PDB file of all heavy atoms in Angstrom:
ATOM      1  N   ILE A   1       0.834  -1.198   0.000  1.00  0.00           N
ATOM      2  CA  ILE A   1       0.000   0.000   0.000  1.00  0.00           C
ATOM      3  C   ILE A   1       0.873   1.253   0.000  1.00  0.00           C
ATOM      4  O   ILE A   1       0.588   2.225  -0.707  1.00  0.00           O
ATOM      5  CB  ILE A   1      -0.954  -0.010   1.198  1.00  0.00           C
ATOM      6  CG1 ILE A   1      -1.974  -1.138   1.040  1.00  0.00           C
ATOM      7  CG2 ILE A   1      -1.682   1.330   1.331  1.00  0.00           C
ATOM      8  CD1 ILE A   1      -2.884  -1.315   2.231  1.00  0.00           C
ATOM      9  N   SER A   2       1.958   1.232   0.764  1.00  0.00           N
ATOM     10  CA  SER A   2       2.855   2.388   0.808  1.00  0.00           C
ATOM     11  C   SER A   2       3.452   2.685  -0.552  1.00  0.00           C
ATOM     12  O   SER A   2       3.617   3.843  -0.934  1.00  0.00           O
ATOM     13  CB  SER A   2       3.976   2.145   1.828  1.00  0.00           C
ATOM     14  OG  SER A   2       3.455   2.013   3.127  1.00  0.00           O
ATOM     15  N   THR A   3       3.756   1.643  -1.301  1.00  0.00           N
ATOM     16  CA  THR A   3       4.352   1.828  -2.620  1.00  0.00           C
ATOM     17  C   THR A   3       3.319   2.282  -3.638  1.00  0.00           C
ATOM     18  O   THR A   3       3.566   3.198  -4.433  1.00  0.00           O
ATOM     19  CB  THR A   3       4.995   0.510  -3.097  1.00  0.00           C
ATOM     20  OG1 THR A   3       6.005   0.124  -2.160  1.00  0.00           O
ATOM     21  CG2 THR A   3       5.614   0.684  -4.475  1.00  0.00           C
ATOM     22  N   ALA A   4       2.140   1.656  -3.625  1.00  0.00           N
ATOM     23  CA  ALA A   4       1.130   1.955  -4.636  1.00  0.00           C
ATOM     24  C   ALA A   4       0.416   3.272  -4.382  1.00  0.00           C
ATOM     25  O   ALA A   4       0.164   4.044  -5.314  1.00  0.00           O
ATOM     26  CB  ALA A   4       0.105   0.815  -4.689  1.00  0.00           C
ATOM     27  N   THR A   5       0.070   3.546  -3.145  1.00  0.00           N
ATOM     28  CA  THR A   5      -0.675   4.754  -2.788  1.00  0.00           C
ATOM     29  C   THR A   5      -0.184   5.252  -1.426  1.00  0.00           C
ATOM     30  O   THR A   5      -0.803   4.973  -0.393  1.00  0.00           O
ATOM     31  CB  THR A   5      -2.189   4.470  -2.728  1.00  0.00           C
ATOM     32  OG1 THR A   5      -2.402   3.275  -1.958  1.00  0.00           O
ATOM     33  CG2 THR A   5      -2.775   4.283  -4.107  1.00  0.00           C
ATOM     34  N   PRO A   6       0.909   6.005  -1.410  1.00  0.00           N
ATOM     35  CA  PRO A   6       1.501   6.409  -0.131  1.00  0.00           C
ATOM     36  C   PRO A   6       0.549   7.152   0.790  1.00  0.00           C
ATOM     37  O   PRO A   6       0.617   6.997   2.013  1.00  0.00           O
ATOM     38  CB  PRO A   6       2.658   7.321  -0.569  1.00  0.00           C
ATOM     39  CG  PRO A   6       3.009   6.861  -1.953  1.00  0.00           C
ATOM     40  CD  PRO A   6       1.713   6.436  -2.572  1.00  0.00           C
ATOM     41  N   ALA A   7      -0.367   7.971   0.241  1.00  0.00           N
ATOM     42  CA  ALA A   7      -1.266   8.736   1.111  1.00  0.00           C
ATOM     43  C   ALA A   7      -2.188   7.830   1.909  1.00  0.00           C
ATOM     44  O   ALA A   7      -2.593   8.185   3.025  1.00  0.00           O
ATOM     45  CB  ALA A   7      -2.095   9.714   0.282  1.00  0.00           C
ATOM     46  N   LEU A   8      -2.538   6.673   1.358  1.00  0.00           N
ATOM     47  CA  LEU A   8      -3.373   5.741   2.104  1.00  0.00           C
ATOM     48  C   LEU A   8      -2.619   5.182   3.297  1.00  0.00           C
ATOM     49  O   LEU A   8      -3.158   5.089   4.399  1.00  0.00           O
ATOM     50  CB  LEU A   8      -3.847   4.613   1.193  1.00  0.00           C
ATOM     51  CG  LEU A   8      -4.678   5.025  -0.021  1.00  0.00           C
ATOM     52  CD1 LEU A   8      -5.160   3.785  -0.774  1.00  0.00           C
ATOM     53  CD2 LEU A   8      -5.862   5.878   0.393  1.00  0.00           C
ATOM     54  N   ALA A   9      -1.362   4.810   3.085  1.00  0.00           N
ATOM     55  CA  ALA A   9      -0.558   4.295   4.191  1.00  0.00           C
ATOM     56  C   ALA A   9      -0.366   5.363   5.255  1.00  0.00           C
ATOM     57  O   ALA A   9      -0.409   5.075   6.462  1.00  0.00           O
ATOM     58  CB  ALA A   9       0.790   3.808   3.667  1.00  0.00           C
ATOM     59  N   ASP A  10      -0.178   6.607   4.827  1.00  0.00           N
ATOM     60  CA  ASP A  10       0.003   7.705   5.776  1.00  0.00           C
ATOM     61  C   ASP A  10      -1.236   7.937   6.635  1.00  0.00           C
ATOM     62  O   ASP A  10      -1.139   8.494   7.730  1.00  0.00           O
ATOM     63  CB  ASP A  10       0.328   9.006   5.033  1.00  0.00           C
ATOM     64  CG  ASP A  10       1.756   9.052   4.508  1.00  0.00           C
ATOM     65  OD1 ASP A  10       2.580   8.223   4.936  1.00  0.00           O
ATOM     66  OD2 ASP A  10       2.051   9.928   3.669  1.00  0.00           O
ATOM     67  N   GLN A  11      -2.416   7.534   6.143  1.00  0.00           N
ATOM     68  CA  GLN A  11      -3.663   7.794   6.867  1.00  0.00           C
ATOM     69  C   GLN A  11      -4.133   6.615   7.716  1.00  0.00           C
ATOM     70  O   GLN A  11      -5.216   6.682   8.307  1.00  0.00           O
ATOM     71  CB  GLN A  11      -4.763   8.195   5.880  1.00  0.00           C
ATOM     72  CG  GLN A  11      -4.526   9.564   5.270  1.00  0.00           C
ATOM     73  CD  GLN A  11      -5.609   9.938   4.289  1.00  0.00           C
ATOM     74  OE1 GLN A  11      -6.652  10.484   4.639  1.00  0.00           O
ATOM     75  NE2 GLN A  11      -5.364   9.642   3.017  1.00  0.00           N
ATOM     76  N   ILE A  12      -3.360   5.552   7.784  1.00  0.00           N
ATOM     77  CA  ILE A  12      -3.693   4.454   8.682  1.00  0.00           C
ATOM     78  C   ILE A  12      -3.309   4.848  10.107  1.00  0.00           C
ATOM     79  O   ILE A  12      -2.215   5.352  10.355  1.00  0.00           O
ATOM     80  CB  ILE A  12      -2.967   3.162   8.262  1.00  0.00           C
ATOM     81  CG1 ILE A  12      -3.483   2.680   6.904  1.00  0.00           C
ATOM     82  CG2 ILE A  12      -3.161   2.071   9.319  1.00  0.00           C
ATOM     83  CD1 ILE A  12      -2.727   1.495   6.349  1.00  0.00           C
ATOM     84  N   THR A  13      -4.201   4.665  11.029  1.00  0.00           N
ATOM     85  CA  THR A  13      -3.948   5.018  12.426  1.00  0.00           C
ATOM     86  C   THR A  13      -2.615   4.435  12.894  1.00  0.00           C
ATOM     87  O   THR A  13      -2.329   3.260  12.685  1.00  0.00           O
ATOM     88  CB  THR A  13      -5.078   4.488  13.321  1.00  0.00           C
ATOM     89  OG1 THR A  13      -6.307   5.107  12.915  1.00  0.00           O
ATOM     90  CG2 THR A  13      -4.817   4.810  14.775  1.00  0.00           C
ATOM     91  N   GLY A  14      -1.790   5.303  13.485  1.00  0.00           N
ATOM     92  CA  GLY A  14      -0.496   4.869  13.991  1.00  0.00           C
ATOM     93  C   GLY A  14       0.641   4.954  13.007  1.00  0.00           C
ATOM     94  O   GLY A  14       1.765   4.559  13.323  1.00  0.00           O
ATOM     95  N   SER A  15       0.382   5.480  11.810  1.00  0.00           N
ATOM     96  CA  SER A  15       1.449   5.591  10.812  1.00  0.00           C
ATOM     97  C   SER A  15       2.541   6.545  11.290  1.00  0.00           C
ATOM     98  O   SER A  15       2.317   7.398  12.159  1.00  0.00           O
ATOM     99  CB  SER A  15       0.879   6.105   9.483  1.00  0.00           C
ATOM    100  OG  SER A  15       0.513   7.476   9.599  1.00  0.00           O
ATOM    101  N   ALA A  16       3.724   6.413  10.697  1.00  0.00           N
ATOM    102  CA  ALA A  16       4.830   7.298  11.058  1.00  0.00           C
ATOM    103  C   ALA A  16       4.480   8.752  10.763  1.00  0.00           C
ATOM    104  O   ALA A  16       4.835   9.661  11.526  1.00  0.00           O
ATOM    105  CB  ALA A  16       6.087   6.878  10.298  1.00  0.00           C
ATOM    106  N   PHE A  17       3.771   8.979   9.655  1.00  0.00           N
ATOM    107  CA  PHE A  17       3.394  10.350   9.305  1.00  0.00           C
ATOM    108  C   PHE A  17       2.492  10.952  10.366  1.00  0.00           C
ATOM    109  O   PHE A  17       2.713  12.077  10.835  1.00  0.00           O
ATOM    110  CB  PHE A  17       2.686  10.377   7.950  1.00  0.00           C
ATOM    111  CG  PHE A  17       2.110  11.729   7.621  1.00  0.00           C
ATOM    112  CD1 PHE A  17       2.906  12.724   7.083  1.00  0.00           C
ATOM    113  CD2 PHE A  17       0.770  12.011   7.896  1.00  0.00           C
ATOM    114  CE1 PHE A  17       2.393  13.989   6.820  1.00  0.00           C
ATOM    115  CE2 PHE A  17       0.245  13.263   7.621  1.00  0.00           C
ATOM    116  CZ  PHE A  17       1.057  14.246   7.088  1.00  0.00           C
ATOM    117  N   LEU A  18       1.447  10.227  10.783  1.00  0.00           N
ATOM    118  CA  LEU A  18       0.518  10.761  11.770  1.00  0.00           C
ATOM    119  C   LEU A  18       1.158  10.894  13.146  1.00  0.00           C
ATOM    120  O   LEU A  18       0.839  11.823  13.898  1.00  0.00           O
ATOM    121  CB  LEU A  18      -0.719   9.873  11.853  1.00  0.00           C
ATOM    122  CG  LEU A  18      -1.644   9.944  10.635  1.00  0.00           C
ATOM    123  CD1 LEU A  18      -2.705   8.853  10.712  1.00  0.00           C
ATOM    124  CD2 LEU A  18      -2.304  11.319  10.526  1.00  0.00           C
ATOM    125  N   THR A  19       2.075  10.009  13.461  1.00  0.00           N
ATOM    126  CA  THR A  19       2.789  10.113  14.729  1.00  0.00           C
ATOM    127  C   THR A  19       3.574  11.420  14.783  1.00  0.00           C
ATOM    128  O   THR A  19       3.550  12.143  15.792  1.00  0.00           O
ATOM    129  CB  THR A  19       3.723   8.913  14.923  1.00  0.00           C
ATOM    130  OG1 THR A  19       2.946   7.708  14.950  1.00  0.00           O
ATOM    131  CG2 THR A  19       4.500   9.035  16.220  1.00  0.00           C
ATOM    132  N   LYS A  20       4.249  11.749  13.690  1.00  0.00           N
ATOM    133  CA  LYS A  20       4.997  13.008  13.630  1.00  0.00           C
ATOM    134  C   LYS A  20       4.051  14.202  13.664  1.00  0.00           C
ATOM    135  O   LYS A  20       4.288  15.180  14.383  1.00  0.00           O
ATOM    136  CB  LYS A  20       5.839  13.043  12.352  1.00  0.00           C
ATOM    137  CG  LYS A  20       6.599  14.357  12.152  1.00  0.00           C
ATOM    138  CD  LYS A  20       7.413  14.349  10.863  1.00  0.00           C
ATOM    139  CE  LYS A  20       8.118  15.683  10.660  1.00  0.00           C
ATOM    140  NZ  LYS A  20       8.932  15.691   9.400  1.00  0.00           N
ATOM    141  N   LEU A  21       2.971  14.129  12.892  1.00  0.00           N
ATOM    142  CA  LEU A  21       2.044  15.252  12.800  1.00  0.00           C
ATOM    143  C   LEU A  21       1.436  15.596  14.150  1.00  0.00           C
ATOM    144  O   LEU A  21       1.284  16.777  14.493  1.00  0.00           O
ATOM    145  CB  LEU A  21       0.933  14.923  11.800  1.00  0.00           C
ATOM    146  CG  LEU A  21      -0.173  15.972  11.654  1.00  0.00           C
ATOM    147  CD1 LEU A  21       0.386  17.271  11.085  1.00  0.00           C
ATOM    148  CD2 LEU A  21      -1.298  15.446  10.774  1.00  0.00           C
ATOM    149  N   ASN A  22       1.062  14.595  14.922  1.00  0.00           N
ATOM    150  CA  ASN A  22       0.318  14.823  16.159  1.00  0.00           C
ATOM    151  C   ASN A  22       1.189  14.918  17.403  1.00  0.00           C
ATOM    152  O   ASN A  22       0.674  15.208  18.490  1.00  0.00           O
ATOM    153  CB  ASN A  22      -0.734  13.731  16.331  1.00  0.00           C
ATOM    154  CG  ASN A  22      -1.819  13.822  15.267  1.00  0.00           C
ATOM    155  OD1 ASN A  22      -2.300  14.901  14.954  1.00  0.00           O
ATOM    156  ND2 ASN A  22      -2.191  12.677  14.694  1.00  0.00           N
ATOM    157  N   ALA A  23       2.486  14.702  17.246  1.00  0.00           N
ATOM    158  CA  ALA A  23       3.385  14.826  18.391  1.00  0.00           C
ATOM    159  C   ALA A  23       3.476  16.295  18.822  1.00  0.00           C
ATOM    160  O   ALA A  23       3.566  17.196  17.996  1.00  0.00           O
ATOM    161  CB  ALA A  23       4.773  14.289  18.032  1.00  0.00           C
ATOM    162  N   GLY A  24       3.416  16.511  20.121  1.00  0.00           N
ATOM    163  CA  GLY A  24       3.602  17.863  20.627  1.00  0.00           C
ATOM    164  C   GLY A  24       2.392  18.761  20.524  1.00  0.00           C
ATOM    165  O   GLY A  24       2.512  19.980  20.719  1.00  0.00           O
ATOM    166  N   GLY A  25       1.229  18.207  20.217  1.00  0.00           N
ATOM    167  CA  GLY A  25       0.016  19.008  20.174  1.00  0.00           C
ATOM    168  C   GLY A  25      -0.578  19.092  18.786  1.00  0.00           C
ATOM    169  O   GLY A  25       0.118  18.979  17.779  1.00  0.00           O
ATOM    170  N   ASP A  26      -1.886  19.314  18.744  1.00  0.00           N
ATOM    171  CA  ASP A  26      -2.623  19.299  17.484  1.00  0.00           C
ATOM    172  C   ASP A  26      -2.576  20.621  16.735  1.00  0.00           C
ATOM    173  O   ASP A  26      -2.792  20.662  15.525  1.00  0.00           O
ATOM    174  CB  ASP A  26      -4.103  18.974  17.744  1.00  0.00           C
ATOM    175  CG  ASP A  26      -4.312  17.571  18.285  1.00  0.00           C
ATOM    176  OD1 ASP A  26      -3.368  16.761  18.212  1.00  0.00           O
ATOM    177  OD2 ASP A  26      -5.419  17.297  18.785  1.00  0.00           O
TER     178      ASP A  26
END
């Protein structure tokens, strides 16, 4: 999924992208 459609992988709960985005406050 990360290779075919990276944005989908980024939107799975707990992804590295979301972890970075939400760290330190919304």
